[in-house]
Amino acid sequence: MADPATKFVFAYPAIGFTPDCGLSYLLPRTIGQQRALRFALMGEPASAEDAFTWGMVTEVSADALGRGTELATALASGSAKALGQCRRLIRSGWEMDRAAVGAEETRTVTEMVKGAEAQTLIARFGAASSGRRL
């Protein structure tokens, strides 16, 4: 998320450096190779709206602090294990073929459904879907 006034700058060449922390791997995968090259080589700032359009941020909000608090609250109220596994599966999917992704999803779901938390949440979801209350 970014405030509308945020500017993103690829400053490495301006200070005589090259990317670090995996940026040369992540940036082209996020915004595309040609856009990443232009952003890196030209030194022109990207606006918050550019960053949103390019996929660098998920939204632009004039109330970034309030919206950030809403997002943090929503994440904190979710299943930490399920959210963590979703994140792992989506991120690891870049390095696997379709069949391997399907196999890993099957393995993960099979393991997750055995847990007490999943059983409780499944029952709650089923009750809510049928109009009953647990």
N, C-alpha and C. Protein backbone atom coordinates (compact mmCIF):
# COMPACT_ATOMS: atom_id res chain seq x y z
N MET A 1 0.83 -1.16 0.00
CA MET A 1 0.00 0.00 0.00
C MET A 1 0.89 1.23 0.00
N ALA A 2 0.38 2.27 -0.63
CA ALA A 2 1.14 3.52 -0.68
C ALA A 2 0.20 4.71 -0.55
N ASP A 3 0.68 5.74 0.08
CA ASP A 3 -0.01 7.03 0.11
C ASP A 3 0.08 7.63 -1.30
N PRO A 4 -0.91 8.37 -1.75
CA PRO A 4 -0.87 8.94 -3.10
C PRO A 4 0.36 9.82 -3.37
N ALA A 5 0.94 10.42 -2.34
CA ALA A 5 2.09 11.29 -2.52
C ALA A 5 3.42 10.54 -2.57
N THR A 6 3.40 9.22 -2.35
CA THR A 6 4.63 8.43 -2.33
C THR A 6 5.30 8.42 -3.70
N LYS A 7 6.61 8.51 -3.70
CA LYS A 7 7.41 8.37 -4.92
C LYS A 7 8.38 7.23 -4.70
N PHE A 8 8.54 6.36 -5.69
CA PHE A 8 9.46 5.24 -5.63
C PHE A 8 10.64 5.56 -6.54
N VAL A 9 11.84 5.39 -6.01
CA VAL A 9 13.05 5.72 -6.76
C VAL A 9 14.01 4.53 -6.72
N PHE A 10 14.52 4.18 -7.87
CA PHE A 10 15.57 3.16 -7.97
C PHE A 10 16.89 3.92 -7.91
N ALA A 11 17.44 4.08 -6.73
CA ALA A 11 18.55 5.00 -6.51
C ALA A 11 19.94 4.37 -6.63
N TYR A 12 20.02 3.07 -6.77
CA TYR A 12 21.33 2.41 -6.76
C TYR A 12 22.34 3.03 -7.72
N PRO A 13 22.05 3.13 -9.04
CA PRO A 13 23.06 3.70 -9.94
C PRO A 13 23.44 5.14 -9.59
N ALA A 14 22.50 5.91 -9.06
CA ALA A 14 22.78 7.31 -8.72
C ALA A 14 23.83 7.43 -7.62
N ILE A 15 23.99 6.38 -6.81
CA ILE A 15 25.01 6.40 -5.76
C ILE A 15 26.14 5.42 -6.05
N GLY A 16 26.20 4.94 -7.30
CA GLY A 16 27.28 4.06 -7.71
C GLY A 16 27.14 2.62 -7.24
N PHE A 17 25.94 2.19 -6.95
CA PHE A 17 25.70 0.83 -6.48
C PHE A 17 24.87 0.04 -7.48
N THR A 18 24.72 -1.23 -7.19
CA THR A 18 23.85 -2.12 -7.95
C THR A 18 22.79 -2.67 -6.99
N PRO A 19 21.74 -3.28 -7.50
CA PRO A 19 20.68 -3.81 -6.64
C PRO A 19 21.20 -4.82 -5.63
N ASP A 20 20.50 -4.91 -4.50
CA ASP A 20 20.81 -5.91 -3.48
C ASP A 20 19.51 -6.48 -2.92
N CYS A 21 19.62 -7.34 -1.96
CA CYS A 21 18.46 -7.94 -1.28
C CYS A 21 17.51 -8.66 -2.23
N GLY A 22 18.02 -9.14 -3.35
CA GLY A 22 17.19 -9.89 -4.30
C GLY A 22 16.37 -9.03 -5.23
N LEU A 23 16.60 -7.72 -5.25
CA LEU A 23 15.80 -6.84 -6.09
C LEU A 23 15.91 -7.16 -7.57
N SER A 24 17.10 -7.55 -8.04
CA SER A 24 17.24 -7.86 -9.46
C SER A 24 16.49 -9.14 -9.84
N TYR A 25 16.16 -9.95 -8.88
CA TYR A 25 15.33 -11.14 -9.10
C TYR A 25 13.85 -10.77 -9.01
N LEU A 26 13.48 -10.03 -7.97
CA LEU A 26 12.08 -9.76 -7.69
C LEU A 26 11.45 -8.69 -8.60
N LEU A 27 12.17 -7.60 -8.85
CA LEU A 27 11.58 -6.49 -9.58
C LEU A 27 11.09 -6.87 -10.99
N PRO A 28 11.90 -7.55 -11.82
CA PRO A 28 11.38 -7.92 -13.15
C PRO A 28 10.20 -8.88 -13.08
N ARG A 29 10.16 -9.71 -12.05
CA ARG A 29 9.04 -10.63 -11.89
C ARG A 29 7.78 -9.90 -11.43
N THR A 30 7.95 -8.75 -10.83
CA THR A 30 6.81 -7.97 -10.36
C THR A 30 6.29 -7.03 -11.43
N ILE A 31 7.19 -6.30 -12.08
CA ILE A 31 6.74 -5.26 -13.01
C ILE A 31 7.10 -5.54 -14.47
N GLY A 32 7.78 -6.63 -14.74
CA GLY A 32 8.19 -6.95 -16.10
C GLY A 32 9.62 -6.50 -16.36
N GLN A 33 10.32 -7.23 -17.20
CA GLN A 33 11.74 -6.95 -17.43
C GLN A 33 11.98 -5.59 -18.05
N GLN A 34 11.25 -5.23 -19.08
CA GLN A 34 11.50 -3.96 -19.76
C GLN A 34 11.20 -2.77 -18.85
N ARG A 35 10.11 -2.84 -18.11
CA ARG A 35 9.77 -1.77 -17.19
C ARG A 35 10.82 -1.68 -16.08
N ALA A 36 11.27 -2.84 -15.58
CA ALA A 36 12.29 -2.85 -14.53
C ALA A 36 13.59 -2.22 -15.04
N LEU A 37 13.98 -2.55 -16.27
CA LEU A 37 15.19 -1.95 -16.84
C LEU A 37 15.06 -0.43 -16.95
N ARG A 38 13.94 0.02 -17.45
CA ARG A 38 13.73 1.47 -17.58
C ARG A 38 13.76 2.14 -16.20
N PHE A 39 13.05 1.56 -15.25
CA PHE A 39 13.01 2.11 -13.89
C PHE A 39 14.41 2.16 -13.29
N ALA A 40 15.19 1.11 -13.49
CA ALA A 40 16.53 1.04 -12.92
C ALA A 40 17.53 1.96 -13.62
N LEU A 41 17.43 2.06 -14.91
CA LEU A 41 18.46 2.78 -15.67
C LEU A 41 18.19 4.27 -15.86
N MET A 42 16.94 4.67 -15.87
CA MET A 42 16.62 6.06 -16.16
C MET A 42 16.60 6.95 -14.91
N GLY A 43 16.41 6.38 -13.74
CA GLY A 43 16.42 7.18 -12.52
C GLY A 43 15.21 8.06 -12.31
N GLU A 44 14.14 7.81 -13.08
CA GLU A 44 12.92 8.61 -12.94
C GLU A 44 12.05 8.04 -11.83
N PRO A 45 11.55 8.88 -10.93
CA PRO A 45 10.68 8.39 -9.86
C PRO A 45 9.38 7.83 -10.42
N ALA A 46 8.87 6.83 -9.76
CA ALA A 46 7.55 6.27 -10.10
C ALA A 46 6.56 6.77 -9.05
N SER A 47 5.40 7.18 -9.50
CA SER A 47 4.36 7.64 -8.58
C SER A 47 3.70 6.45 -7.89
N ALA A 48 2.93 6.74 -6.88
CA ALA A 48 2.17 5.68 -6.20
C ALA A 48 1.22 5.01 -7.19
N GLU A 49 0.62 5.81 -8.07
CA GLU A 49 -0.30 5.24 -9.07
C GLU A 49 0.45 4.35 -10.04
N ASP A 50 1.66 4.74 -10.46
CA ASP A 50 2.49 3.87 -11.31
C ASP A 50 2.78 2.56 -10.57
N ALA A 51 3.20 2.68 -9.32
CA ALA A 51 3.53 1.49 -8.53
C ALA A 51 2.32 0.55 -8.42
N PHE A 52 1.14 1.11 -8.29
CA PHE A 52 -0.08 0.30 -8.23
C PHE A 52 -0.33 -0.38 -9.59
N THR A 53 -0.26 0.38 -10.65
CA THR A 53 -0.49 -0.16 -12.00
C THR A 53 0.52 -1.25 -12.33
N TRP A 54 1.76 -1.08 -11.89
CA TRP A 54 2.83 -2.03 -12.16
C TRP A 54 2.79 -3.25 -11.26
N GLY A 55 2.00 -3.22 -10.20
CA GLY A 55 1.93 -4.35 -9.29
C GLY A 55 2.94 -4.30 -8.15
N MET A 56 3.55 -3.14 -7.93
CA MET A 56 4.51 -2.99 -6.83
C MET A 56 3.81 -2.82 -5.49
N VAL A 57 2.62 -2.24 -5.50
CA VAL A 57 1.80 -2.09 -4.30
C VAL A 57 0.40 -2.58 -4.63
N THR A 58 -0.34 -2.99 -3.63
CA THR A 58 -1.67 -3.55 -3.88
C THR A 58 -2.78 -2.50 -3.90
N GLU A 59 -2.51 -1.34 -3.32
CA GLU A 59 -3.50 -0.27 -3.36
C GLU A 59 -2.85 1.06 -3.01
N VAL A 60 -3.56 2.14 -3.35
CA VAL A 60 -3.15 3.49 -3.00
C VAL A 60 -4.27 4.05 -2.12
N SER A 61 -3.89 4.58 -0.97
CA SER A 61 -4.89 5.08 -0.03
C SER A 61 -4.44 6.39 0.59
N ALA A 62 -5.33 7.38 0.60
CA ALA A 62 -5.03 8.66 1.23
C ALA A 62 -4.92 8.50 2.75
N ASP A 63 -5.51 7.43 3.28
CA ASP A 63 -5.40 7.14 4.71
C ASP A 63 -4.61 5.84 4.88
N ALA A 64 -3.34 5.88 4.50
CA ALA A 64 -2.52 4.68 4.51
C ALA A 64 -2.41 4.08 5.91
N LEU A 65 -2.30 4.91 6.94
CA LEU A 65 -2.19 4.39 8.30
C LEU A 65 -3.48 3.68 8.72
N GLY A 66 -4.62 4.31 8.49
CA GLY A 66 -5.90 3.68 8.83
C GLY A 66 -6.13 2.41 8.04
N ARG A 67 -5.84 2.46 6.74
CA ARG A 67 -6.03 1.28 5.90
C ARG A 67 -5.06 0.17 6.30
N GLY A 68 -3.84 0.55 6.64
CA GLY A 68 -2.86 -0.43 7.10
C GLY A 68 -3.32 -1.11 8.38
N THR A 69 -3.93 -0.35 9.27
CA THR A 69 -4.46 -0.91 10.51
C THR A 69 -5.60 -1.89 10.20
N GLU A 70 -6.46 -1.54 9.27
CA GLU A 70 -7.55 -2.44 8.86
C GLU A 70 -6.99 -3.76 8.31
N LEU A 71 -5.99 -3.65 7.45
CA LEU A 71 -5.39 -4.85 6.87
C LEU A 71 -4.72 -5.71 7.93
N ALA A 72 -3.99 -5.08 8.83
CA ALA A 72 -3.31 -5.82 9.90
C ALA A 72 -4.33 -6.52 10.79
N THR A 73 -5.43 -5.85 11.09
CA THR A 73 -6.48 -6.45 11.92
C THR A 73 -7.10 -7.65 11.21
N ALA A 74 -7.35 -7.51 9.92
CA ALA A 74 -7.94 -8.62 9.15
C ALA A 74 -6.99 -9.81 9.13
N LEU A 75 -5.71 -9.56 8.90
CA LEU A 75 -4.73 -10.65 8.88
C LEU A 75 -4.60 -11.30 10.26
N ALA A 76 -4.60 -10.48 11.29
CA ALA A 76 -4.45 -11.01 12.65
C ALA A 76 -5.65 -11.86 13.07
N SER A 77 -6.81 -11.61 12.48
CA SER A 77 -7.99 -12.39 12.84
C SER A 77 -8.10 -13.69 12.06
N GLY A 78 -7.23 -13.89 11.08
CA GLY A 78 -7.26 -15.11 10.27
C GLY A 78 -6.45 -16.23 10.90
N SER A 79 -6.51 -17.37 10.28
CA SER A 79 -5.74 -18.54 10.71
C SER A 79 -4.28 -18.34 10.32
N ALA A 80 -3.42 -18.18 11.32
CA ALA A 80 -2.00 -17.95 11.04
C ALA A 80 -1.41 -19.09 10.21
N LYS A 81 -1.77 -20.32 10.56
CA LYS A 81 -1.22 -21.46 9.83
C LYS A 81 -1.69 -21.48 8.38
N ALA A 82 -2.99 -21.27 8.17
CA ALA A 82 -3.53 -21.28 6.81
C ALA A 82 -2.97 -20.12 5.99
N LEU A 83 -2.90 -18.94 6.58
CA LEU A 83 -2.35 -17.79 5.86
C LEU A 83 -0.88 -18.03 5.50
N GLY A 84 -0.12 -18.58 6.42
CA GLY A 84 1.28 -18.88 6.16
C GLY A 84 1.45 -19.90 5.05
N GLN A 85 0.61 -20.93 5.06
CA GLN A 85 0.70 -21.95 4.01
C GLN A 85 0.27 -21.39 2.66
N CYS A 86 -0.74 -20.53 2.65
CA CYS A 86 -1.14 -19.87 1.39
C CYS A 86 0.03 -19.07 0.82
N ARG A 87 0.67 -18.30 1.67
CA ARG A 87 1.81 -17.50 1.25
C ARG A 87 2.93 -18.39 0.71
N ARG A 88 3.22 -19.46 1.42
CA ARG A 88 4.27 -20.39 0.99
C ARG A 88 3.94 -21.00 -0.37
N LEU A 89 2.71 -21.46 -0.53
CA LEU A 89 2.31 -22.10 -1.79
C LEU A 89 2.38 -21.13 -2.96
N ILE A 90 1.88 -19.93 -2.77
CA ILE A 90 1.89 -18.96 -3.86
C ILE A 90 3.32 -18.57 -4.23
N ARG A 91 4.16 -18.35 -3.23
CA ARG A 91 5.54 -17.98 -3.53
C ARG A 91 6.33 -19.13 -4.14
N SER A 92 6.15 -20.34 -3.66
CA SER A 92 6.92 -21.46 -4.19
C SER A 92 6.43 -21.90 -5.57
N GLY A 93 5.22 -21.51 -5.94
CA GLY A 93 4.68 -21.87 -7.24
C GLY A 93 5.50 -21.36 -8.41
N TRP A 94 6.29 -20.31 -8.19
CA TRP A 94 7.14 -19.77 -9.25
C TRP A 94 8.22 -20.76 -9.67
N GLU A 95 8.63 -21.63 -8.76
CA GLU A 95 9.74 -22.54 -9.04
C GLU A 95 9.30 -23.95 -9.39
N MET A 96 8.00 -24.20 -9.51
CA MET A 96 7.50 -25.54 -9.79
C MET A 96 6.67 -25.54 -11.06
N ASP A 97 6.55 -26.72 -11.67
CA ASP A 97 5.63 -26.83 -12.79
C ASP A 97 4.21 -27.07 -12.25
N ARG A 98 3.24 -27.05 -13.14
CA ARG A 98 1.83 -27.15 -12.74
C ARG A 98 1.54 -28.42 -11.95
N ALA A 99 2.07 -29.54 -12.38
CA ALA A 99 1.82 -30.81 -11.69
C ALA A 99 2.40 -30.80 -10.28
N ALA A 100 3.60 -30.24 -10.12
CA ALA A 100 4.23 -30.17 -8.80
C ALA A 100 3.45 -29.25 -7.87
N VAL A 101 2.93 -28.14 -8.42
CA VAL A 101 2.11 -27.23 -7.61
C VAL A 101 0.86 -27.96 -7.13
N GLY A 102 0.20 -28.67 -8.03
CA GLY A 102 -1.00 -29.42 -7.65
C GLY A 102 -0.71 -30.46 -6.58
N ALA A 103 0.40 -31.15 -6.72
CA ALA A 103 0.77 -32.17 -5.73
C ALA A 103 1.06 -31.53 -4.37
N GLU A 104 1.73 -30.39 -4.37
CA GLU A 104 2.04 -29.72 -3.11
C GLU A 104 0.78 -29.15 -2.46
N GLU A 105 -0.13 -28.63 -3.27
CA GLU A 105 -1.41 -28.16 -2.73
C GLU A 105 -2.19 -29.32 -2.11
N THR A 106 -2.23 -30.45 -2.79
CA THR A 106 -2.93 -31.63 -2.27
C THR A 106 -2.32 -32.09 -0.96
N ARG A 107 -0.99 -32.15 -0.91
CA ARG A 107 -0.31 -32.55 0.31
C ARG A 107 -0.62 -31.59 1.46
N THR A 108 -0.60 -30.31 1.16
CA THR A 108 -0.85 -29.30 2.20
C THR A 108 -2.30 -29.36 2.69
N VAL A 109 -3.25 -29.43 1.79
CA VAL A 109 -4.66 -29.51 2.19
C VAL A 109 -4.91 -30.76 3.02
N THR A 110 -4.34 -31.87 2.60
CA THR A 110 -4.52 -33.13 3.33
C THR A 110 -4.00 -33.00 4.75
N GLU A 111 -2.87 -32.35 4.91
CA GLU A 111 -2.29 -32.15 6.24
C GLU A 111 -3.10 -31.14 7.05
N MET A 112 -3.51 -30.04 6.41
CA MET A 112 -4.24 -28.98 7.12
C MET A 112 -5.59 -29.45 7.62
N VAL A 113 -6.31 -30.25 6.84
CA VAL A 113 -7.67 -30.66 7.20
C VAL A 113 -7.69 -31.53 8.46
N LYS A 114 -6.57 -32.12 8.80
CA LYS A 114 -6.47 -32.95 9.99
C LYS A 114 -6.41 -32.13 11.28
N GLY A 115 -6.08 -30.86 11.16
CA GLY A 115 -5.88 -30.02 12.34
C GLY A 115 -7.17 -29.60 13.01
N ALA A 116 -7.11 -29.39 14.30
CA ALA A 116 -8.27 -28.97 15.08
C ALA A 116 -8.80 -27.62 14.62
N GLU A 117 -7.88 -26.69 14.30
CA GLU A 117 -8.32 -25.36 13.86
C GLU A 117 -9.16 -25.47 12.59
N ALA A 118 -8.68 -26.25 11.63
CA ALA A 118 -9.42 -26.41 10.37
C ALA A 118 -10.78 -27.05 10.62
N GLN A 119 -10.83 -28.05 11.47
CA GLN A 119 -12.10 -28.71 11.77
C GLN A 119 -13.10 -27.71 12.37
N THR A 120 -12.64 -26.88 13.28
CA THR A 120 -13.51 -25.87 13.89
C THR A 120 -13.99 -24.86 12.86
N LEU A 121 -13.06 -24.39 12.03
CA LEU A 121 -13.42 -23.39 11.02
C LEU A 121 -14.33 -23.97 9.94
N ILE A 122 -14.12 -25.21 9.57
CA ILE A 122 -15.00 -25.87 8.59
C ILE A 122 -16.41 -25.97 9.15
N ALA A 123 -16.53 -26.41 10.40
CA ALA A 123 -17.85 -26.51 11.04
C ALA A 123 -18.51 -25.15 11.13
N ARG A 124 -17.75 -24.11 11.49
CA ARG A 124 -18.30 -22.76 11.60
C ARG A 124 -18.78 -22.27 10.23
N PHE A 125 -17.99 -22.53 9.20
CA PHE A 125 -18.35 -22.12 7.85
C PHE A 125 -19.63 -22.83 7.41
N GLY A 126 -19.68 -24.15 7.67
CA GLY A 126 -20.88 -24.91 7.30
C GLY A 126 -22.12 -24.42 8.02
N ALA A 127 -21.98 -24.12 9.30
CA ALA A 127 -23.10 -23.60 10.08
C ALA A 127 -23.55 -22.25 9.56
N ALA A 128 -22.60 -21.38 9.23
CA ALA A 128 -22.94 -20.06 8.72
C ALA A 128 -23.62 -20.17 7.35
N SER A 129 -23.18 -21.12 6.54
CA SER A 129 -23.77 -21.31 5.22
C SER A 129 -25.20 -21.80 5.30
N SER A 130 -25.50 -22.56 6.34
CA SER A 130 -26.85 -23.10 6.49
C SER A 130 -27.73 -22.20 7.35
N GLY A 131 -27.18 -21.11 7.86
CA GLY A 131 -27.96 -20.19 8.66
C GLY A 131 -27.94 -20.53 10.15
N ARG A 132 -27.27 -21.62 10.53
CA ARG A 132 -27.18 -21.99 11.96
C ARG A 132 -26.06 -21.20 12.60
N ARG A 133 -26.08 -21.16 13.90
CA ARG A 133 -25.03 -20.50 14.66
C ARG A 133 -24.31 -21.47 15.54
N LEU A 134 -22.98 -21.41 15.57
CA LEU A 134 -22.21 -22.25 16.50
C LEU A 134 -21.71 -21.44 17.65
